[in-house]
Amino acid sequence: MNKSDGEIAADHDWTEIEPIDWTRAEVVTPQRKQAISIRLDQDLIGFFKAEGPGYQRRINAVLRACVKERMAR
């Protein structure tokens, strides 16, 4: 059942969400991607593809987190 605007406004649960402070937000230009050929295990590819569209972006994020962790050591 869809709520009307008035019902949504009367629902006070949503007011408990803290507002986001955008004053220190930075515009970040994504790095340019480079196409490569890489061999990965089929089960790894299957795992990321099963999560839905954007599996290459998720693989990139996991690799980036790994590099960030290693560089912090």
C-alpha atoms as a PDB file:
ATOM      1  CA  MET A   1       0.000   0.000   0.000  1.00  0.00           C
ATOM      2  CA  ASN A   2       1.384   3.389  -1.016  1.00  0.00           C
ATOM      3  CA  LYS A   3       1.249   6.181   1.546  1.00  0.00           C
ATOM      4  CA  SER A   4       0.042   9.656   0.648  1.00  0.00           C
ATOM      5  CA  ASP A   5       2.311  12.658   1.199  1.00  0.00           C
ATOM      6  CA  GLY A   6       0.335  13.521   4.312  1.00  0.00           C
ATOM      7  CA  GLU A   7       0.748  10.008   5.725  1.00  0.00           C
ATOM      8  CA  ILE A   8       4.477  10.112   5.026  1.00  0.00           C
ATOM      9  CA  ALA A   9       4.755  13.510   6.744  1.00  0.00           C
ATOM     10  CA  ALA A  10       2.850  12.144   9.746  1.00  0.00           C
ATOM     11  CA  ASP A  11       5.205   9.148   9.988  1.00  0.00           C
ATOM     12  CA  HIS A  12       7.777  10.380  12.492  1.00  0.00           C
ATOM     13  CA  ASP A  13      10.182   7.452  12.034  1.00  0.00           C
ATOM     14  CA  TRP A  14      11.810   9.147   9.081  1.00  0.00           C
ATOM     15  CA  THR A  15      12.689  12.225  11.150  1.00  0.00           C
ATOM     16  CA  GLU A  16      15.152  10.159  13.183  1.00  0.00           C
ATOM     17  CA  ILE A  17      17.558  10.025  10.248  1.00  0.00           C
ATOM     18  CA  GLU A  18      20.296  12.568  10.836  1.00  0.00           C
ATOM     19  CA  PRO A  19      20.700  15.122   8.059  1.00  0.00           C
ATOM     20  CA  ILE A  20      23.829  14.914   5.940  1.00  0.00           C
ATOM     21  CA  ASP A  21      26.299  17.785   6.216  1.00  0.00           C
ATOM     22  CA  TRP A  22      27.305  18.511   2.619  1.00  0.00           C
ATOM     23  CA  THR A  23      29.464  21.571   3.485  1.00  0.00           C
ATOM     24  CA  ARG A  24      32.696  19.559   3.288  1.00  0.00           C
ATOM     25  CA  ALA A  25      31.703  17.449   0.292  1.00  0.00           C
ATOM     26  CA  GLU A  26      34.274  17.230  -2.484  1.00  0.00           C
ATOM     27  CA  VAL A  27      33.661  16.646  -6.152  1.00  0.00           C
ATOM     28  CA  VAL A  28      35.731  13.635  -7.141  1.00  0.00           C
ATOM     29  CA  THR A  29      36.459  12.880 -10.767  1.00  0.00           C
ATOM     30  CA  PRO A  30      36.756   9.125 -11.226  1.00  0.00           C
ATOM     31  CA  GLN A  31      40.070   7.868 -12.478  1.00  0.00           C
ATOM     32  CA  ARG A  32      40.201   6.852 -16.092  1.00  0.00           C
ATOM     33  CA  LYS A  33      39.920   3.085 -16.468  1.00  0.00           C
ATOM     34  CA  GLN A  34      42.262   1.002 -18.577  1.00  0.00           C
ATOM     35  CA  ALA A  35      40.940  -2.065 -20.350  1.00  0.00           C
ATOM     36  CA  ILE A  36      43.050  -5.173 -19.708  1.00  0.00           C
ATOM     37  CA  SER A  37      42.716  -8.895 -20.084  1.00  0.00           C
ATOM     38  CA  ILE A  38      42.929 -10.802 -16.803  1.00  0.00           C
ATOM     39  CA  ARG A  39      42.361 -14.427 -15.960  1.00  0.00           C
ATOM     40  CA  LEU A  40      40.263 -15.032 -12.857  1.00  0.00           C
ATOM     41  CA  ASP A  41      38.847 -18.210 -11.363  1.00  0.00           C
ATOM     42  CA  GLN A  42      35.331 -18.932 -12.607  1.00  0.00           C
ATOM     43  CA  ASP A  43      33.897 -19.078  -9.096  1.00  0.00           C
ATOM     44  CA  LEU A  44      35.193 -15.558  -8.373  1.00  0.00           C
ATOM     45  CA  ILE A  45      33.624 -14.176 -11.517  1.00  0.00           C
ATOM     46  CA  GLY A  46      30.410 -16.019 -10.705  1.00  0.00           C
ATOM     47  CA  PHE A  47      30.338 -14.542  -7.207  1.00  0.00           C
ATOM     48  CA  PHE A  48      30.663 -10.968  -8.419  1.00  0.00           C
ATOM     49  CA  LYS A  49      28.250 -11.441 -11.334  1.00  0.00           C
ATOM     50  CA  ALA A  50      25.650 -12.968  -9.000  1.00  0.00           C
ATOM     51  CA  GLU A  51      25.556  -9.667  -7.106  1.00  0.00           C
ATOM     52  CA  GLY A  52      24.080  -8.015 -10.207  1.00  0.00           C
ATOM     53  CA  PRO A  53      25.213  -5.423 -12.731  1.00  0.00           C
ATOM     54  CA  GLY A  54      28.485  -3.632 -12.046  1.00  0.00           C
ATOM     55  CA  TYR A  55      30.569  -6.692 -11.239  1.00  0.00           C
ATOM     56  CA  GLN A  56      33.714  -5.223 -12.796  1.00  0.00           C
ATOM     57  CA  ARG A  57      33.316  -2.087 -10.682  1.00  0.00           C
ATOM     58  CA  ARG A  58      33.017  -4.260  -7.551  1.00  0.00           C
ATOM     59  CA  ILE A  59      36.115  -6.264  -8.463  1.00  0.00           C
ATOM     60  CA  ASN A  60      37.960  -2.953  -8.927  1.00  0.00           C
ATOM     61  CA  ALA A  61      36.749  -1.773  -5.491  1.00  0.00           C
ATOM     62  CA  VAL A  62      37.984  -4.965  -3.807  1.00  0.00           C
ATOM     63  CA  LEU A  63      41.382  -4.641  -5.460  1.00  0.00           C
ATOM     64  CA  ARG A  64      41.565  -0.957  -4.472  1.00  0.00           C
ATOM     65  CA  ALA A  65      40.742  -1.820  -0.834  1.00  0.00           C
ATOM     66  CA  CYS A  66      43.514  -4.421  -0.872  1.00  0.00           C
ATOM     67  CA  VAL A  67      46.042  -1.924  -2.226  1.00  0.00           C
ATOM     68  CA  LYS A  68      44.944   0.727   0.283  1.00  0.00           C
ATOM     69  CA  GLU A  69      45.370  -1.735   3.160  1.00  0.00           C
ATOM     70  CA  ARG A  70      48.832  -2.796   1.975  1.00  0.00           C
ATOM     71  CA  MET A  71      49.972   0.813   1.497  1.00  0.00           C
ATOM     72  CA  ALA A  72      48.823   1.688   5.032  1.00  0.00           C
ATOM     73  CA  ARG A  73      51.215  -0.870   6.544  1.00  0.00           C
END
